[in-house]
């Protein structure tokens, strides 16, 4: 599950940042996501990152809906 982070910034600075990131073919959100991942990798110890990765891979993925069951229910 992903969570949101709120960052405050002066409106004029944010407008300028959006303008120049768009000129580079990216967005403020994409750049902040990259920086957050870099900070995570720099700050969180490797063994903890490995554990989190292992646990996230073990999470059961949502089961796809069975199309045949849907058609039987609608008949």
C-alpha atoms as a PDB file:
ATOM      1  CA  UNK A   1       0.000   0.000   0.000  1.00  0.00           C
ATOM      2  CA  UNK A   2       1.275   3.456  -0.824  1.00  0.00           C
ATOM      3  CA  UNK A   3       0.837   6.546   1.331  1.00  0.00           C
ATOM      4  CA  UNK A   4       0.877  10.225   0.411  1.00  0.00           C
ATOM      5  CA  UNK A   5       3.259  12.814   1.795  1.00  0.00           C
ATOM      6  CA  UNK A   6       2.305  16.470   1.963  1.00  0.00           C
ATOM      7  CA  UNK A   7       5.014  19.015   1.210  1.00  0.00           C
ATOM      8  CA  UNK A   8       4.362  22.724   1.514  1.00  0.00           C
ATOM      9  CA  UNK A   9       5.998  25.274  -0.743  1.00  0.00           C
ATOM     10  CA  UNK A  10       5.400  28.882  -1.697  1.00  0.00           C
ATOM     11  CA  UNK A  11       3.022  29.141  -4.636  1.00  0.00           C
ATOM     12  CA  UNK A  12       5.426  31.120  -6.858  1.00  0.00           C
ATOM     13  CA  UNK A  13       8.238  28.641  -6.261  1.00  0.00           C
ATOM     14  CA  UNK A  14       5.973  25.683  -6.978  1.00  0.00           C
ATOM     15  CA  UNK A  15       4.724  27.271 -10.196  1.00  0.00           C
ATOM     16  CA  UNK A  16       8.290  27.863 -11.378  1.00  0.00           C
ATOM     17  CA  UNK A  17       9.291  24.327 -10.385  1.00  0.00           C
ATOM     18  CA  UNK A  18       6.363  22.842 -12.319  1.00  0.00           C
ATOM     19  CA  UNK A  19       7.197  24.923 -15.384  1.00  0.00           C
ATOM     20  CA  UNK A  20      10.852  23.890 -15.474  1.00  0.00           C
ATOM     21  CA  UNK A  21      10.263  20.217 -14.681  1.00  0.00           C
ATOM     22  CA  UNK A  22       7.702  20.058 -17.494  1.00  0.00           C
ATOM     23  CA  UNK A  23      10.289  21.549 -19.855  1.00  0.00           C
ATOM     24  CA  UNK A  24      12.542  18.634 -18.923  1.00  0.00           C
ATOM     25  CA  UNK A  25       9.748  16.165 -19.696  1.00  0.00           C
ATOM     26  CA  UNK A  26       8.967  15.187 -16.126  1.00  0.00           C
ATOM     27  CA  UNK A  27       6.767  16.306 -13.227  1.00  0.00           C
ATOM     28  CA  UNK A  28       7.361  17.522  -9.700  1.00  0.00           C
ATOM     29  CA  UNK A  29       5.679  14.366  -8.406  1.00  0.00           C
ATOM     30  CA  UNK A  30       7.956  12.079 -10.444  1.00  0.00           C
ATOM     31  CA  UNK A  31      11.057  13.919  -9.243  1.00  0.00           C
ATOM     32  CA  UNK A  32       9.936  13.856  -5.601  1.00  0.00           C
ATOM     33  CA  UNK A  33       9.269  10.129  -5.889  1.00  0.00           C
ATOM     34  CA  UNK A  34      12.822   9.594  -7.188  1.00  0.00           C
ATOM     35  CA  UNK A  35      14.281  11.665  -4.333  1.00  0.00           C
ATOM     36  CA  UNK A  36      12.181   9.806  -1.747  1.00  0.00           C
ATOM     37  CA  UNK A  37      13.448   6.461  -3.086  1.00  0.00           C
ATOM     38  CA  UNK A  38      17.040   7.749  -2.986  1.00  0.00           C
ATOM     39  CA  UNK A  39      16.578   8.970   0.578  1.00  0.00           C
ATOM     40  CA  UNK A  40      15.042   5.620   1.559  1.00  0.00           C
ATOM     41  CA  UNK A  41      17.998   3.731   0.071  1.00  0.00           C
ATOM     42  CA  UNK A  42      20.485   6.072   1.776  1.00  0.00           C
ATOM     43  CA  UNK A  43      18.783   6.133   5.186  1.00  0.00           C
ATOM     44  CA  UNK A  44      17.203   2.720   5.781  1.00  0.00           C
ATOM     45  CA  UNK A  45      19.731  -0.075   6.468  1.00  0.00           C
ATOM     46  CA  UNK A  46      20.069  -2.719   3.738  1.00  0.00           C
ATOM     47  CA  UNK A  47      18.878  -5.566   5.971  1.00  0.00           C
ATOM     48  CA  UNK A  48      15.668  -3.667   6.750  1.00  0.00           C
ATOM     49  CA  UNK A  49      15.090  -2.904   3.049  1.00  0.00           C
ATOM     50  CA  UNK A  50      15.630  -6.593   2.252  1.00  0.00           C
ATOM     51  CA  UNK A  51      13.106  -7.597   4.919  1.00  0.00           C
ATOM     52  CA  UNK A  52      10.524  -5.111   3.620  1.00  0.00           C
ATOM     53  CA  UNK A  53      11.052  -6.344   0.051  1.00  0.00           C
ATOM     54  CA  UNK A  54      10.676  -9.959   1.174  1.00  0.00           C
ATOM     55  CA  UNK A  55       7.467  -9.202   3.072  1.00  0.00           C
ATOM     56  CA  UNK A  56       5.956  -7.254   0.174  1.00  0.00           C
ATOM     57  CA  UNK A  57       6.613 -10.181  -2.202  1.00  0.00           C
ATOM     58  CA  UNK A  58       4.843 -12.562   0.191  1.00  0.00           C
ATOM     59  CA  UNK A  59       1.670 -10.459   0.299  1.00  0.00           C
ATOM     60  CA  UNK A  60      -1.034 -12.334  -1.605  1.00  0.00           C
ATOM     61  CA  UNK A  61      -2.061 -10.511  -4.747  1.00  0.00           C
ATOM     62  CA  UNK A  62      -5.761  -9.828  -5.229  1.00  0.00           C
ATOM     63  CA  UNK A  63      -7.480 -12.717  -6.982  1.00  0.00           C
ATOM     64  CA  UNK A  64      -8.699 -11.875 -10.482  1.00  0.00           C
ATOM     65  CA  UNK A  65     -12.418 -12.071 -10.968  1.00  0.00           C
ATOM     66  CA  UNK A  66     -13.580 -15.181 -12.745  1.00  0.00           C
ATOM     67  CA  UNK A  67     -15.293 -14.132 -15.979  1.00  0.00           C
ATOM     68  CA  UNK A  68     -17.207 -17.413 -16.261  1.00  0.00           C
ATOM     69  CA  UNK A  69     -18.641 -16.991 -12.756  1.00  0.00           C
ATOM     70  CA  UNK A  70     -19.770 -13.476 -13.683  1.00  0.00           C
ATOM     71  CA  UNK A  71     -21.535 -14.711 -16.812  1.00  0.00           C
ATOM     72  CA  UNK A  72     -23.308 -17.449 -14.825  1.00  0.00           C
ATOM     73  CA  UNK A  73     -24.531 -14.883 -12.284  1.00  0.00           C
ATOM     74  CA  UNK A  74     -25.858 -12.614 -15.029  1.00  0.00           C
ATOM     75  CA  UNK A  75     -27.718 -15.407 -16.893  1.00  0.00           C
END
